[in-house]
Amino acid sequence: MCIEKIIIDLIHNNIIHSEPTEWEQLNGGTVSKLYLLNIDGSKYVIKLNDQRVIESEAIFLDRYKEVCYLPKLLFVEPSYNYLVYSYVNGSTNYIEKNKKEILKDVVKGLLNNYKSVSNNIGWGWADQITDSWQNFLINEVVEANKIIDGRLDREDHNFISNLVKKIPKDTKPYLIHGDCGVHNFIFNDGQLSGVIDPAPVIGDPLYDLIYAFCSSPDDLTKETIDYAVSHLMIKREKEKLFLYENVIIGLYLRLGKCIKHHPNDYEEYMKAWYSWMNITKRLII
């Protein structure tokens, strides 16, 4: 759909009451097409994508409409061709400092508000369900393996595969963000003010926390993740081994994304990888 027709639709549906004073196409959407409308100082974001993607994001934003960090869903086109949400002021420029406090804010302001869903829905990407949380993670590990390949020893790949096979199959499912990384965090004066662009997943809230923790190569320490988890109300296990095994799985997945999208960060991630491998293996022994 062209933006001009969408604007007419929004006026017809009383979402906006006049032609925008200005509009622009936003950069940064890897798959989505984004537009920013400015109407007498009020800003609206229009997102276009595959219908299943738009539907799952709309469900997520509607389910968590009381969460202050998320944009407010204003309109969903009936055929799920696009949606409209409020603009979150700030910048996605993440400065490598204060990671502990940022993660604490993510936990208290977003993750602790997550709601469980029926076990009958399935697991994984909300628009591409699989039959268990374990199988979702196995699929993610397989895709990361293809990218990482010979950069790690076969022993390391096997170690991760064996950890994933230990994931409990009776995990309670929640509707989670799914792409909860610093690239989707909005900051004002260095403080977290918003979380945007969910790629909804049916799964474990701990996944979102570890995803956020691993989404930048700075401060990937035990102290940082322990501090963040201490604020998480939805907890699976209290044993550190369970947490750290999930961290090393998350870091493995992040290595794949790093190689593909952020190769300049690779060396820093590899330092963290070897450190976490030592931490995890010592606990296992």
C-alpha atoms as a PDB file:
ATOM      1  CA  MET A   1       0.000   0.000   0.000  1.00  0.00           C
ATOM      2  CA  CYS A   2       1.230   3.509  -0.758  1.00  0.00           C
ATOM      3  CA  ILE A   3       1.584   5.983   2.082  1.00  0.00           C
ATOM      4  CA  GLU A   4      -0.876   8.419   0.449  1.00  0.00           C
ATOM      5  CA  LYS A   5      -3.664   5.815   0.540  1.00  0.00           C
ATOM      6  CA  ILE A   6      -2.817   4.896   4.132  1.00  0.00           C
ATOM      7  CA  ILE A   7      -3.119   8.554   5.155  1.00  0.00           C
ATOM      8  CA  ILE A   8      -6.567   8.713   3.538  1.00  0.00           C
ATOM      9  CA  ASP A   9      -7.569   5.516   5.377  1.00  0.00           C
ATOM     10  CA  LEU A  10      -6.408   6.940   8.697  1.00  0.00           C
ATOM     11  CA  ILE A  11      -8.404  10.122   8.204  1.00  0.00           C
ATOM     12  CA  HIS A  12     -11.466   8.051   7.232  1.00  0.00           C
ATOM     13  CA  ASN A  13     -11.084   5.967  10.411  1.00  0.00           C
ATOM     14  CA  ASN A  14     -10.614   9.079  12.601  1.00  0.00           C
ATOM     15  CA  ILE A  15      -7.120   8.026  13.664  1.00  0.00           C
ATOM     16  CA  ILE A  16      -5.799  11.339  12.377  1.00  0.00           C
ATOM     17  CA  HIS A  17      -7.972  14.355  11.640  1.00  0.00           C
ATOM     18  CA  SER A  18      -6.033  16.112   8.918  1.00  0.00           C
ATOM     19  CA  GLU A  19      -3.274  15.662   6.391  1.00  0.00           C
ATOM     20  CA  PRO A  20       0.137  15.439   8.079  1.00  0.00           C
ATOM     21  CA  THR A  21       2.184  18.612   8.127  1.00  0.00           C
ATOM     22  CA  GLU A  22       5.090  16.374   7.132  1.00  0.00           C
ATOM     23  CA  TRP A  23       5.930  12.693   6.749  1.00  0.00           C
ATOM     24  CA  GLU A  24       9.073  10.718   6.086  1.00  0.00           C
ATOM     25  CA  GLN A  25      10.151   7.137   5.542  1.00  0.00           C
ATOM     26  CA  LEU A  26      12.310   5.936   8.422  1.00  0.00           C
ATOM     27  CA  ASN A  27      15.540   3.994   8.089  1.00  0.00           C
ATOM     28  CA  GLY A  28      16.447   0.967  10.157  1.00  0.00           C
ATOM     29  CA  GLY A  29      13.651  -1.470   9.405  1.00  0.00           C
ATOM     30  CA  THR A  30      15.306  -4.651   8.116  1.00  0.00           C
ATOM     31  CA  VAL A  31      12.075  -6.067   6.708  1.00  0.00           C
ATOM     32  CA  SER A  32       9.356  -3.637   7.750  1.00  0.00           C
ATOM     33  CA  LYS A  33       8.645  -0.397   5.945  1.00  0.00           C
ATOM     34  CA  LEU A  34       8.240   2.472   8.419  1.00  0.00           C
ATOM     35  CA  TYR A  35       6.821   5.973   8.050  1.00  0.00           C
ATOM     36  CA  LEU A  36       6.717   8.830  10.545  1.00  0.00           C
ATOM     37  CA  LEU A  37       3.788  11.254  10.341  1.00  0.00           C
ATOM     38  CA  ASN A  38       3.879  14.654  12.032  1.00  0.00           C
ATOM     39  CA  ILE A  39       0.507  16.330  12.510  1.00  0.00           C
ATOM     40  CA  ASP A  40       0.772  19.626  14.337  1.00  0.00           C
ATOM     41  CA  GLY A  41       3.440  18.254  16.661  1.00  0.00           C
ATOM     42  CA  SER A  42       1.806  14.850  17.254  1.00  0.00           C
ATOM     43  CA  LYS A  43       3.837  11.978  15.803  1.00  0.00           C
ATOM     44  CA  TYR A  44       2.613   8.618  14.540  1.00  0.00           C
ATOM     45  CA  VAL A  45       4.534   5.615  13.226  1.00  0.00           C
ATOM     46  CA  ILE A  46       3.098   3.486  10.408  1.00  0.00           C
ATOM     47  CA  LYS A  47       4.561   0.012   9.969  1.00  0.00           C
ATOM     48  CA  LEU A  48       4.007  -2.216   6.933  1.00  0.00           C
ATOM     49  CA  ASN A  49       5.071  -5.856   6.780  1.00  0.00           C
ATOM     50  CA  ASP A  50       3.833  -9.373   6.098  1.00  0.00           C
ATOM     51  CA  GLN A  51       0.306  -9.802   7.438  1.00  0.00           C
ATOM     52  CA  ARG A  52       1.309 -12.487   9.958  1.00  0.00           C
ATOM     53  CA  VAL A  53       4.072 -10.249  11.310  1.00  0.00           C
ATOM     54  CA  ILE A  54       1.736  -7.258  11.666  1.00  0.00           C
ATOM     55  CA  GLU A  55      -0.908  -9.397  13.362  1.00  0.00           C
ATOM     56  CA  SER A  56       1.527 -10.849  15.924  1.00  0.00           C
ATOM     57  CA  GLU A  57       2.960  -7.413  16.748  1.00  0.00           C
ATOM     58  CA  ALA A  58      -0.539  -5.976  17.121  1.00  0.00           C
ATOM     59  CA  ILE A  59      -1.485  -8.783  19.517  1.00  0.00           C
ATOM     60  CA  PHE A  60       1.660  -8.147  21.581  1.00  0.00           C
ATOM     61  CA  LEU A  61       1.124  -4.373  21.818  1.00  0.00           C
ATOM     62  CA  ASP A  62      -2.543  -4.800  22.657  1.00  0.00           C
ATOM     63  CA  ARG A  63      -1.867  -7.427  25.335  1.00  0.00           C
ATOM     64  CA  TYR A  64       0.690  -5.163  27.022  1.00  0.00           C
ATOM     65  CA  LYS A  65      -0.998  -1.821  26.396  1.00  0.00           C
ATOM     66  CA  GLU A  66      -0.486  -0.801  30.051  1.00  0.00           C
ATOM     67  CA  VAL A  67       3.313  -1.174  29.837  1.00  0.00           C
ATOM     68  CA  CYS A  68       4.780   2.320  29.803  1.00  0.00           C
ATOM     69  CA  TYR A  69       7.906   1.408  27.807  1.00  0.00           C
ATOM     70  CA  LEU A  70       5.935   0.131  24.801  1.00  0.00           C
ATOM     71  CA  PRO A  71       4.436   2.354  22.099  1.00  0.00           C
ATOM     72  CA  LYS A  72       0.654   2.654  22.157  1.00  0.00           C
ATOM     73  CA  LEU A  73      -1.162   0.751  19.438  1.00  0.00           C
ATOM     74  CA  LEU A  74      -3.544   3.194  17.728  1.00  0.00           C
ATOM     75  CA  PHE A  75      -4.868   1.315  14.710  1.00  0.00           C
ATOM     76  CA  VAL A  76      -4.567  -2.015  12.915  1.00  0.00           C
ATOM     77  CA  GLU A  77      -5.650  -2.269   9.289  1.00  0.00           C
ATOM     78  CA  PRO A  78      -8.360  -4.995   9.210  1.00  0.00           C
ATOM     79  CA  SER A  79      -6.394  -7.216   6.800  1.00  0.00           C
ATOM     80  CA  TYR A  80      -3.178  -6.691   8.810  1.00  0.00           C
ATOM     81  CA  ASN A  81      -1.374  -4.873   6.020  1.00  0.00           C
ATOM     82  CA  TYR A  82      -0.149  -2.202   8.438  1.00  0.00           C
ATOM     83  CA  LEU A  83      -0.510  -0.850  11.948  1.00  0.00           C
ATOM     84  CA  VAL A  84      -0.110   2.556  13.562  1.00  0.00           C
ATOM     85  CA  TYR A  85       1.420   3.266  16.948  1.00  0.00           C
ATOM     86  CA  SER A  86       2.553   6.268  18.948  1.00  0.00           C
ATOM     87  CA  TYR A  87       6.051   7.634  18.414  1.00  0.00           C
ATOM     88  CA  VAL A  88       8.478   7.119  21.303  1.00  0.00           C
ATOM     89  CA  ASN A  89      10.728  10.138  21.749  1.00  0.00           C
ATOM     90  CA  GLY A  90      14.444   9.523  22.133  1.00  0.00           C
ATOM     91  CA  SER A  91      17.300   7.796  20.367  1.00  0.00           C
ATOM     92  CA  THR A  92      18.405   4.210  19.759  1.00  0.00           C
ATOM     93  CA  ASN A  93      22.031   5.249  20.275  1.00  0.00           C
ATOM     94  CA  TYR A  94      23.234   2.917  23.014  1.00  0.00           C
ATOM     95  CA  ILE A  95      26.201   4.168  25.001  1.00  0.00           C
ATOM     96  CA  GLU A  96      28.246   1.388  26.556  1.00  0.00           C
ATOM     97  CA  LYS A  97      27.732   2.219  30.187  1.00  0.00           C
ATOM     98  CA  ASN A  98      25.244   1.559  32.947  1.00  0.00           C
ATOM     99  CA  LYS A  99      24.182  -1.811  31.502  1.00  0.00           C
ATOM    100  CA  LYS A 100      23.157  -3.138  34.909  1.00  0.00           C
ATOM    101  CA  GLU A 101      20.630  -0.355  35.437  1.00  0.00           C
ATOM    102  CA  ILE A 102      19.292  -0.592  31.889  1.00  0.00           C
ATOM    103  CA  LEU A 103      18.673  -4.314  32.288  1.00  0.00           C
ATOM    104  CA  LYS A 104      17.049  -3.709  35.670  1.00  0.00           C
ATOM    105  CA  ASP A 105      14.682  -1.207  34.021  1.00  0.00           C
ATOM    106  CA  VAL A 106      13.881  -3.681  31.230  1.00  0.00           C
ATOM    107  CA  VAL A 107      13.096  -6.375  33.803  1.00  0.00           C
ATOM    108  CA  LYS A 108      10.973  -4.207  36.091  1.00  0.00           C
ATOM    109  CA  GLY A 109       9.278  -2.174  33.369  1.00  0.00           C
ATOM    110  CA  LEU A 110       8.644  -4.882  30.761  1.00  0.00           C
ATOM    111  CA  LEU A 111       9.519  -8.492  31.622  1.00  0.00           C
ATOM    112  CA  ASN A 112       7.776  -8.513  34.999  1.00  0.00           C
ATOM    113  CA  ASN A 113       4.569  -7.545  33.192  1.00  0.00           C
ATOM    114  CA  TYR A 114       4.601 -10.569  30.897  1.00  0.00           C
ATOM    115  CA  LYS A 115       1.514 -12.783  30.955  1.00  0.00           C
ATOM    116  CA  SER A 116       1.351 -16.525  30.525  1.00  0.00           C
ATOM    117  CA  VAL A 117      -0.494 -18.089  27.609  1.00  0.00           C
ATOM    118  CA  SER A 118      -2.121 -21.448  27.030  1.00  0.00           C
ATOM    119  CA  ASN A 119       0.105 -24.492  26.638  1.00  0.00           C
ATOM    120  CA  ASN A 120      -1.988 -25.391  23.600  1.00  0.00           C
ATOM    121  CA  ILE A 121      -0.855 -22.430  21.492  1.00  0.00           C
ATOM    122  CA  GLY A 122       2.620 -23.768  20.737  1.00  0.00           C
ATOM    123  CA  TRP A 123       6.082 -22.276  21.097  1.00  0.00           C
ATOM    124  CA  GLY A 124       8.513 -19.963  19.362  1.00  0.00           C
ATOM    125  CA  TRP A 125       7.798 -17.197  16.872  1.00  0.00           C
ATOM    126  CA  ALA A 126       4.179 -16.161  17.267  1.00  0.00           C
ATOM    127  CA  ASP A 127       3.722 -16.233  13.481  1.00  0.00           C
ATOM    128  CA  GLN A 128       5.618 -19.535  13.045  1.00  0.00           C
ATOM    129  CA  ILE A 129       4.832 -21.875  15.932  1.00  0.00           C
ATOM    130  CA  THR A 130       6.724 -25.063  16.850  1.00  0.00           C
ATOM    131  CA  ASP A 131       5.777 -27.793  19.321  1.00  0.00           C
ATOM    132  CA  SER A 132       8.130 -27.078  22.252  1.00  0.00           C
ATOM    133  CA  TRP A 133      10.427 -24.435  23.710  1.00  0.00           C
ATOM    134  CA  GLN A 134      13.291 -26.871  23.380  1.00  0.00           C
ATOM    135  CA  ASN A 135      12.640 -27.342  19.647  1.00  0.00           C
ATOM    136  CA  PHE A 136      12.471 -23.576  19.136  1.00  0.00           C
ATOM    137  CA  LEU A 137      15.915 -23.206  20.714  1.00  0.00           C
ATOM    138  CA  ILE A 138      17.256 -26.185  18.757  1.00  0.00           C
ATOM    139  CA  ASN A 139      16.142 -24.519  15.522  1.00  0.00           C
ATOM    140  CA  GLU A 140      17.784 -21.250  16.575  1.00  0.00           C
ATOM    141  CA  VAL A 141      21.033 -23.062  17.442  1.00  0.00           C
ATOM    142  CA  VAL A 142      21.034 -24.892  14.090  1.00  0.00           C
ATOM    143  CA  GLU A 143      20.742 -21.574  12.231  1.00  0.00           C
ATOM    144  CA  ALA A 144      23.528 -20.010  14.321  1.00  0.00           C
ATOM    145  CA  ASN A 145      25.688 -23.087  13.736  1.00  0.00           C
ATOM    146  CA  LYS A 146      25.508 -22.541   9.965  1.00  0.00           C
ATOM    147  CA  ILE A 147      26.891 -19.024  10.388  1.00  0.00           C
ATOM    148  CA  ILE A 148      29.500 -19.686  13.095  1.00  0.00           C
ATOM    149  CA  ASP A 149      30.702 -22.975  11.563  1.00  0.00           C
ATOM    150  CA  GLY A 150      34.498 -23.335  11.755  1.00  0.00           C
ATOM    151  CA  ARG A 151      35.021 -20.268  13.932  1.00  0.00           C
ATOM    152  CA  LEU A 152      34.412 -22.528  16.935  1.00  0.00           C
ATOM    153  CA  ASP A 153      35.649 -26.046  17.614  1.00  0.00           C
ATOM    154  CA  ARG A 154      33.248 -28.909  17.002  1.00  0.00           C
ATOM    155  CA  GLU A 155      33.411 -29.585  20.754  1.00  0.00           C
ATOM    156  CA  ASP A 156      31.906 -26.147  21.408  1.00  0.00           C
ATOM    157  CA  HIS A 157      29.054 -26.708  18.950  1.00  0.00           C
ATOM    158  CA  ASN A 158      28.310 -30.072  20.540  1.00  0.00           C
ATOM    159  CA  PHE A 159      28.434 -28.546  24.009  1.00  0.00           C
ATOM    160  CA  ILE A 160      25.683 -26.060  23.085  1.00  0.00           C
ATOM    161  CA  SER A 161      23.585 -28.739  21.411  1.00  0.00           C
ATOM    162  CA  ASN A 162      23.749 -30.845  24.565  1.00  0.00           C
ATOM    163  CA  LEU A 163      22.796 -27.874  26.762  1.00  0.00           C
ATOM    164  CA  VAL A 164      19.705 -27.186  24.657  1.00  0.00           C
ATOM    165  CA  LYS A 165      18.643 -30.819  24.993  1.00  0.00           C
ATOM    166  CA  LYS A 166      18.585 -30.278  28.770  1.00  0.00           C
ATOM    167  CA  ILE A 167      16.006 -27.467  28.523  1.00  0.00           C
ATOM    168  CA  PRO A 168      12.886 -28.562  30.457  1.00  0.00           C
ATOM    169  CA  LYS A 169       9.927 -29.431  28.272  1.00  0.00           C
ATOM    170  CA  ASP A 170       7.413 -28.337  30.917  1.00  0.00           C
ATOM    171  CA  THR A 171       8.447 -24.670  30.770  1.00  0.00           C
ATOM    172  CA  LYS A 172       5.486 -22.333  31.291  1.00  0.00           C
ATOM    173  CA  PRO A 173       4.844 -20.275  28.133  1.00  0.00           C
ATOM    174  CA  TYR A 174       4.613 -16.481  28.094  1.00  0.00           C
ATOM    175  CA  LEU A 175       4.134 -13.972  25.294  1.00  0.00           C
ATOM    176  CA  ILE A 176       7.531 -12.222  25.126  1.00  0.00           C
ATOM    177  CA  HIS A 177       9.119  -9.494  22.986  1.00  0.00           C
ATOM    178  CA  GLY A 178      11.477 -11.784  21.052  1.00  0.00           C
ATOM    179  CA  ASP A 179      13.877  -9.073  19.813  1.00  0.00           C
ATOM    180  CA  CYS A 180      14.607  -7.421  23.138  1.00  0.00           C
ATOM    181  CA  GLY A 181      18.028  -5.932  22.382  1.00  0.00           C
ATOM    182  CA  VAL A 182      19.705  -2.556  22.740  1.00  0.00           C
ATOM    183  CA  HIS A 183      19.032  -1.886  19.023  1.00  0.00           C
ATOM    184  CA  ASN A 184      15.337  -1.713  19.968  1.00  0.00           C
ATOM    185  CA  PHE A 185      15.776   0.341  23.134  1.00  0.00           C
ATOM    186  CA  ILE A 186      14.977   4.057  23.136  1.00  0.00           C
ATOM    187  CA  PHE A 187      17.051   6.294  25.393  1.00  0.00           C
ATOM    188  CA  ASN A 188      16.670   9.822  26.732  1.00  0.00           C
ATOM    189  CA  ASP A 189      19.737  11.250  28.444  1.00  0.00           C
ATOM    190  CA  GLY A 190      21.139   7.736  28.770  1.00  0.00           C
ATOM    191  CA  GLN A 191      18.014   6.438  30.507  1.00  0.00           C
ATOM    192  CA  LEU A 192      15.722   3.777  29.044  1.00  0.00           C
ATOM    193  CA  SER A 193      12.483   5.367  27.839  1.00  0.00           C
ATOM    194  CA  GLY A 194      11.054   2.816  25.419  1.00  0.00           C
ATOM    195  CA  VAL A 195      11.262  -0.644  23.839  1.00  0.00           C
ATOM    196  CA  ILE A 196      10.114  -0.945  20.228  1.00  0.00           C
ATOM    197  CA  ASP A 197       9.754  -3.440  17.353  1.00  0.00           C
ATOM    198  CA  PRO A 198       8.659  -6.674  19.040  1.00  0.00           C
ATOM    199  CA  ALA A 199       9.067  -9.922  17.109  1.00  0.00           C
ATOM    200  CA  PRO A 200       6.746 -11.822  19.447  1.00  0.00           C
ATOM    201  CA  VAL A 201       7.730 -15.231  20.763  1.00  0.00           C
ATOM    202  CA  ILE A 202       5.851 -17.730  22.910  1.00  0.00           C
ATOM    203  CA  GLY A 203       8.491 -18.740  25.410  1.00  0.00           C
ATOM    204  CA  ASP A 204      10.484 -18.072  28.565  1.00  0.00           C
ATOM    205  CA  PRO A 205      10.879 -14.452  29.831  1.00  0.00           C
ATOM    206  CA  LEU A 206      14.472 -15.364  30.734  1.00  0.00           C
ATOM    207  CA  TYR A 207      15.129 -15.579  26.971  1.00  0.00           C
ATOM    208  CA  ASP A 208      14.349 -11.866  26.576  1.00  0.00           C
ATOM    209  CA  LEU A 209      16.591 -10.930  29.493  1.00  0.00           C
ATOM    210  CA  ILE A 210      19.534 -12.953  28.196  1.00  0.00           C
ATOM    211  CA  TYR A 211      18.900 -11.617  24.680  1.00  0.00           C
ATOM    212  CA  ALA A 212      19.134  -8.058  26.060  1.00  0.00           C
ATOM    213  CA  PHE A 213      22.228  -8.930  28.092  1.00  0.00           C
ATOM    214  CA  CYS A 214      23.993 -10.388  25.027  1.00  0.00           C
ATOM    215  CA  SER A 215      22.803  -7.744  22.550  1.00  0.00           C
ATOM    216  CA  SER A 216      25.873  -5.570  23.114  1.00  0.00           C
ATOM    217  CA  PRO A 217      29.420  -6.813  23.746  1.00  0.00           C
ATOM    218  CA  ASP A 218      30.080  -4.653  26.816  1.00  0.00           C
ATOM    219  CA  ASP A 219      29.812  -5.770  30.426  1.00  0.00           C
ATOM    220  CA  LEU A 220      29.015  -9.430  29.706  1.00  0.00           C
ATOM    221  CA  THR A 221      29.803 -10.427  33.263  1.00  0.00           C
ATOM    222  CA  LYS A 222      28.329 -12.700  35.924  1.00  0.00           C
ATOM    223  CA  GLU A 223      27.748  -9.692  38.158  1.00  0.00           C
ATOM    224  CA  THR A 224      25.652  -7.928  35.523  1.00  0.00           C
ATOM    225  CA  ILE A 225      23.357 -10.856  34.703  1.00  0.00           C
ATOM    226  CA  ASP A 226      23.049 -11.849  38.378  1.00  0.00           C
ATOM    227  CA  TYR A 227      21.981  -8.298  39.234  1.00  0.00           C
ATOM    228  CA  ALA A 228      19.396  -8.222  36.438  1.00  0.00           C
ATOM    229  CA  VAL A 229      17.957 -11.647  37.317  1.00  0.00           C
ATOM    230  CA  SER A 230      17.624 -10.614  40.957  1.00  0.00           C
ATOM    231  CA  HIS A 231      14.820  -8.264  39.834  1.00  0.00           C
ATOM    232  CA  LEU A 232      13.031 -10.843  37.667  1.00  0.00           C
ATOM    233  CA  MET A 233       9.793 -11.961  39.310  1.00  0.00           C
ATOM    234  CA  ILE A 234       9.139 -14.777  36.812  1.00  0.00           C
ATOM    235  CA  LYS A 235      11.888 -17.260  37.666  1.00  0.00           C
ATOM    236  CA  ARG A 236      12.451 -20.766  36.372  1.00  0.00           C
ATOM    237  CA  GLU A 237      15.234 -22.092  38.566  1.00  0.00           C
ATOM    238  CA  LYS A 238      17.256 -20.646  41.400  1.00  0.00           C
ATOM    239  CA  GLU A 239      20.408 -22.577  40.590  1.00  0.00           C
ATOM    240  CA  LYS A 240      23.161 -20.524  38.973  1.00  0.00           C
ATOM    241  CA  LEU A 241      24.021 -23.409  36.658  1.00  0.00           C
ATOM    242  CA  PHE A 242      20.589 -23.200  34.991  1.00  0.00           C
ATOM    243  CA  LEU A 243      21.003 -19.444  34.468  1.00  0.00           C
ATOM    244  CA  TYR A 244      24.549 -19.649  33.180  1.00  0.00           C
ATOM    245  CA  GLU A 245      23.751 -22.501  30.798  1.00  0.00           C
ATOM    246  CA  ASN A 246      21.028 -20.312  29.323  1.00  0.00           C
ATOM    247  CA  VAL A 247      23.482 -17.404  29.087  1.00  0.00           C
ATOM    248  CA  ILE A 248      25.990 -19.477  27.104  1.00  0.00           C
ATOM    249  CA  ILE A 249      23.196 -20.600  24.744  1.00  0.00           C
ATOM    250  CA  GLY A 250      22.160 -16.966  24.300  1.00  0.00           C
ATOM    251  CA  LEU A 251      25.749 -15.924  23.687  1.00  0.00           C
ATOM    252  CA  TYR A 252      26.122 -18.644  21.047  1.00  0.00           C
ATOM    253  CA  LEU A 253      23.028 -17.338  19.249  1.00  0.00           C
ATOM    254  CA  ARG A 254      24.419 -13.823  19.509  1.00  0.00           C
ATOM    255  CA  LEU A 255      27.716 -14.899  17.920  1.00  0.00           C
ATOM    256  CA  GLY A 256      25.745 -15.930  14.848  1.00  0.00           C
ATOM    257  CA  LYS A 257      23.986 -12.560  14.664  1.00  0.00           C
ATOM    258  CA  CYS A 258      27.248 -10.728  15.317  1.00  0.00           C
ATOM    259  CA  ILE A 259      29.070 -12.450  12.440  1.00  0.00           C
ATOM    260  CA  LYS A 260      26.161 -11.712  10.109  1.00  0.00           C
ATOM    261  CA  HIS A 261      25.283  -8.158  11.129  1.00  0.00           C
ATOM    262  CA  HIS A 262      28.003  -6.690  13.395  1.00  0.00           C
ATOM    263  CA  PRO A 263      31.366  -8.286  12.485  1.00  0.00           C
ATOM    264  CA  ASN A 264      33.315  -5.480  14.167  1.00  0.00           C
ATOM    265  CA  ASP A 265      32.072  -6.744  17.539  1.00  0.00           C
ATOM    266  CA  TYR A 266      33.236 -10.304  16.937  1.00  0.00           C
ATOM    267  CA  GLU A 267      36.502 -10.168  18.909  1.00  0.00           C
ATOM    268  CA  GLU A 268      34.797  -8.761  22.002  1.00  0.00           C
ATOM    269  CA  TYR A 269      32.118 -11.434  21.844  1.00  0.00           C
ATOM    270  CA  MET A 270      34.729 -14.146  21.508  1.00  0.00           C
ATOM    271  CA  LYS A 271      36.430 -12.968  24.715  1.00  0.00           C
ATOM    272  CA  ALA A 272      33.078 -13.200  26.474  1.00  0.00           C
ATOM    273  CA  TRP A 273      32.473 -16.613  24.896  1.00  0.00           C
ATOM    274  CA  TYR A 274      35.641 -18.168  26.308  1.00  0.00           C
ATOM    275  CA  SER A 275      35.011 -16.586  29.699  1.00  0.00           C
ATOM    276  CA  TRP A 276      31.471 -17.967  29.894  1.00  0.00           C
ATOM    277  CA  MET A 277      32.542 -21.375  28.655  1.00  0.00           C
ATOM    278  CA  ASN A 278      34.994 -21.557  31.559  1.00  0.00           C
ATOM    279  CA  ILE A 279      32.356 -20.383  34.044  1.00  0.00           C
ATOM    280  CA  THR A 280      29.782 -22.907  32.839  1.00  0.00           C
ATOM    281  CA  LYS A 281      32.120 -25.880  32.582  1.00  0.00           C
ATOM    282  CA  ARG A 282      33.481 -25.257  36.088  1.00  0.00           C
ATOM    283  CA  LEU A 283      29.947 -25.384  37.484  1.00  0.00           C
ATOM    284  CA  ILE A 284      29.131 -28.562  35.563  1.00  0.00           C
ATOM    285  CA  ILE A 285      32.225 -30.281  36.905  1.00  0.00           C
END
